[in-house]
C-alpha atoms as a PDB file:
ATOM      1  CA  MET A   1       0.046   0.164   0.098  1.00  0.00           C
ATOM      2  CA  SER A   2       1.516   3.291  -0.864  1.00  0.00           C
ATOM      3  CA  ASP A   3       2.223   6.102   1.472  1.00  0.00           C
ATOM      4  CA  SER A   4      -0.740   8.500   0.640  1.00  0.00           C
ATOM      5  CA  PHE A   5      -3.296   5.605   0.797  1.00  0.00           C
ATOM      6  CA  LEU A   6      -2.469   4.759   4.391  1.00  0.00           C
ATOM      7  CA  LYS A   7      -2.324   8.380   5.573  1.00  0.00           C
ATOM      8  CA  ILE A   8      -5.717   8.733   3.983  1.00  0.00           C
ATOM      9  CA  LYS A   9      -7.025   5.397   5.717  1.00  0.00           C
ATOM     10  CA  VAL A  10      -5.568   6.715   9.001  1.00  0.00           C
ATOM     11  CA  TRP A  11      -7.011  10.155   8.792  1.00  0.00           C
ATOM     12  CA  THR A  12     -10.502   8.863   7.824  1.00  0.00           C
ATOM     13  CA  LYS A  13     -10.273   6.381  10.705  1.00  0.00           C
ATOM     14  CA  LEU A  14      -9.233   9.303  13.004  1.00  0.00           C
ATOM     15  CA  ILE A  15     -11.950  11.723  11.842  1.00  0.00           C
ATOM     16  CA  THR A  16     -14.517   8.922  12.112  1.00  0.00           C
ATOM     17  CA  MET A  17     -13.651   8.165  15.929  1.00  0.00           C
ATOM     18  CA  GLY A  18     -13.596  11.892  16.396  1.00  0.00           C
ATOM     19  CA  VAL A  19     -17.006  12.377  14.809  1.00  0.00           C
ATOM     20  CA  VAL A  20     -18.270   9.237  17.027  1.00  0.00           C
ATOM     21  CA  ALA A  21     -16.788  10.819  20.326  1.00  0.00           C
ATOM     22  CA  ILE A  22     -18.521  14.042  19.743  1.00  0.00           C
ATOM     23  CA  PHE A  23     -21.946  12.432  18.965  1.00  0.00           C
ATOM     24  CA  VAL A  24     -21.438  10.308  22.083  1.00  0.00           C
ATOM     25  CA  LEU A  25     -20.620  13.467  24.446  1.00  0.00           C
ATOM     26  CA  VAL A  26     -23.533  15.639  22.729  1.00  0.00           C
ATOM     27  CA  PHE A  27     -26.069  12.573  23.490  1.00  0.00           C
ATOM     28  CA  VAL A  28     -24.818  12.221  27.214  1.00  0.00           C
ATOM     29  CA  TRP A  29     -24.905  16.032  27.658  1.00  0.00           C
ATOM     30  CA  GLU A  30     -28.519  16.294  26.347  1.00  0.00           C
ATOM     31  CA  ASN A  31     -29.875  13.155  28.187  1.00  0.00           C
ATOM     32  CA  TYR A  32     -27.733  12.853  31.565  1.00  0.00           C
ATOM     33  CA  ALA A  33     -30.730  14.808  33.178  1.00  0.00           C
ATOM     34  CA  ASN A  34     -33.766  13.432  31.357  1.00  0.00           C
ATOM     35  CA  THR A  35     -36.056  11.075  33.373  1.00  0.00           C
ATOM     36  CA  ALA A  36     -38.238   8.392  32.596  1.00  0.00           C
ATOM     37  CA  THR A  37     -40.915   6.016  34.107  1.00  0.00           C
ATOM     38  CA  VAL A  38     -40.380   2.618  33.405  1.00  0.00           C
ATOM     39  CA  TRP A  39     -42.382  -0.307  34.347  1.00  0.00           C
ATOM     40  CA  LEU A  40     -40.442  -3.055  35.458  1.00  0.00           C
ATOM     41  CA  PHE A  41     -42.571  -5.205  38.176  1.00  0.00           C
ATOM     42  CA  GLY A  42     -43.744  -1.676  39.339  1.00  0.00           C
ATOM     43  CA  LYS A  43     -43.175   1.982  38.196  1.00  0.00           C
ATOM     44  CA  HIS A  44     -39.347   3.253  38.871  1.00  0.00           C
ATOM     45  CA  GLU A  45     -37.981   6.734  37.858  1.00  0.00           C
ATOM     46  CA  MET A  46     -34.632   6.350  36.096  1.00  0.00           C
ATOM     47  CA  THR A  47     -32.645   8.695  33.867  1.00  0.00           C
ATOM     48  CA  VAL A  48     -32.568   8.045  30.052  1.00  0.00           C
ATOM     49  CA  LEU A  49     -28.918   7.054  30.086  1.00  0.00           C
ATOM     50  CA  GLU A  50     -29.686   4.231  32.844  1.00  0.00           C
ATOM     51  CA  LEU A  51     -32.471   2.960  30.752  1.00  0.00           C
ATOM     52  CA  LEU A  52     -30.164   3.004  27.796  1.00  0.00           C
ATOM     53  CA  PHE A  53     -27.487   1.066  29.555  1.00  0.00           C
ATOM     54  CA  LEU A  54     -30.019  -1.528  30.844  1.00  0.00           C
ATOM     55  CA  THR A  55     -31.576  -1.764  27.418  1.00  0.00           C
ATOM     56  CA  PHE A  56     -28.038  -2.884  26.077  1.00  0.00           C
ATOM     57  CA  VAL A  57     -27.285  -4.792  28.733  1.00  0.00           C
ATOM     58  CA  PHE A  58     -30.421  -7.023  28.249  1.00  0.00           C
ATOM     59  CA  GLY A  59     -30.151  -6.883  24.579  1.00  0.00           C
ATOM     60  CA  VAL A  60     -26.618  -8.542  25.127  1.00  0.00           C
ATOM     61  CA  ILE A  61     -27.968 -11.307  27.422  1.00  0.00           C
ATOM     62  CA  ALA A  62     -31.027 -12.243  24.658  1.00  0.00           C
ATOM     63  CA  THR A  63     -28.346 -12.456  22.053  1.00  0.00           C
ATOM     64  CA  LEU A  64     -26.164 -14.502  24.036  1.00  0.00           C
ATOM     65  CA  LEU A  65     -29.174 -17.063  25.142  1.00  0.00           C
ATOM     66  CA  ALA A  66     -30.591 -16.981  21.581  1.00  0.00           C
ATOM     67  CA  GLY A  67     -27.987 -19.191  20.004  1.00  0.00           C
ATOM     68  CA  PRO A  68     -27.930 -22.107  22.379  1.00  0.00           C
ATOM     69  CA  VAL A  69     -31.783 -21.867  22.640  1.00  0.00           C
ATOM     70  CA  TYR A  70     -32.002 -22.392  18.852  1.00  0.00           C
ATOM     71  CA  LYS A  71     -29.210 -25.316  18.901  1.00  0.00           C
ATOM     72  CA  THR A  72     -31.387 -26.739  21.746  1.00  0.00           C
ATOM     73  CA  LEU A  73     -34.650 -26.686  19.477  1.00  0.00           C
ATOM     74  CA  GLY A  74     -32.846 -27.952  16.465  1.00  0.00           C
ATOM     75  CA  GLN A  75     -31.500 -30.729  18.665  1.00  0.00           C
ATOM     76  CA  ILE A  76     -35.016 -31.567  20.040  1.00  0.00           C
ATOM     77  CA  ALA A  77     -36.571 -31.637  16.586  1.00  0.00           C
ATOM     78  CA  GLU A  78     -33.779 -34.290  15.453  1.00  0.00           C
ATOM     79  CA  LEU A  79     -34.624 -36.023  18.206  1.00  0.00           C
ATOM     80  CA  ARG A  80     -38.419 -36.206  17.740  1.00  0.00           C
ATOM     81  CA  LYS A  81     -37.748 -37.128  14.010  1.00  0.00           C
ATOM     82  CA  SER A  82     -35.436 -40.119  14.878  1.00  0.00           C
ATOM     83  CA  LYS A  83     -37.900 -41.388  17.341  1.00  0.00           C
ATOM     84  CA  SER A  84     -40.787 -41.108  15.003  1.00  0.00           C
ATOM     85  CA  ALA A  85     -38.885 -42.826  12.187  1.00  0.00           C
ATOM     86  CA  PRO A  86     -39.159 -46.665  12.595  1.00  0.00           C
ATOM     87  CA  ASP A  87     -36.076 -48.409  12.048  1.00  0.00           C
ATOM     88  CA  ALA A  88     -36.145 -49.290   8.574  1.00  0.00           C
ATOM     89  CA  PRO A  89     -33.886 -51.694   7.014  1.00  0.00           C
ATOM     90  CA  LYS A  90     -30.916 -50.475   5.106  1.00  0.00           C
ATOM     91  CA  PRO A  91     -31.061 -50.328   1.474  1.00  0.00           C
ATOM     92  CA  PRO A  92     -28.376 -52.884  -0.237  1.00  0.00           C
ATOM     93  CA  VAL A  93     -25.166 -51.724  -1.210  1.00  0.00           C
ATOM     94  CA  PRO A  94     -24.914 -52.294  -5.257  1.00  0.00           C
ATOM     95  CA  SER A  95     -21.697 -54.367  -5.977  1.00  0.00           C
ATOM     96  CA  PRO A  96     -19.365 -52.987  -8.602  1.00  0.00           C
ATOM     97  CA  ALA A  97     -20.496 -54.287 -12.304  1.00  0.00           C
ATOM     98  CA  THR A  98     -18.299 -56.662 -13.717  1.00  0.00           C
ATOM     99  CA  LYS A  99     -17.146 -56.298 -17.038  1.00  0.00           C
ATOM    100  CA  PRO A 100     -18.037 -59.003 -19.844  1.00  0.00           C
END
């Protein structure tokens, strides 16, 4: 990779990270004092940032649990399929044809 392309790549990443950091700071600044009433087994007052954090944590937990649950459901379906099918005799293996 030439030197100018490397510089463009580095500066693009730096500018992108700077824009994201500014966005996060503005988001936090605008929402640190805003509150929301949330029903979670009763009404609770919490800030928008706390609610955002809890939503993120619950989303990560749900994502981590979705894979094993999906695999387990597939194993249950496979087990039901193997139990419902009777033990059928295996088809005969064809022998190689002999040349006359």
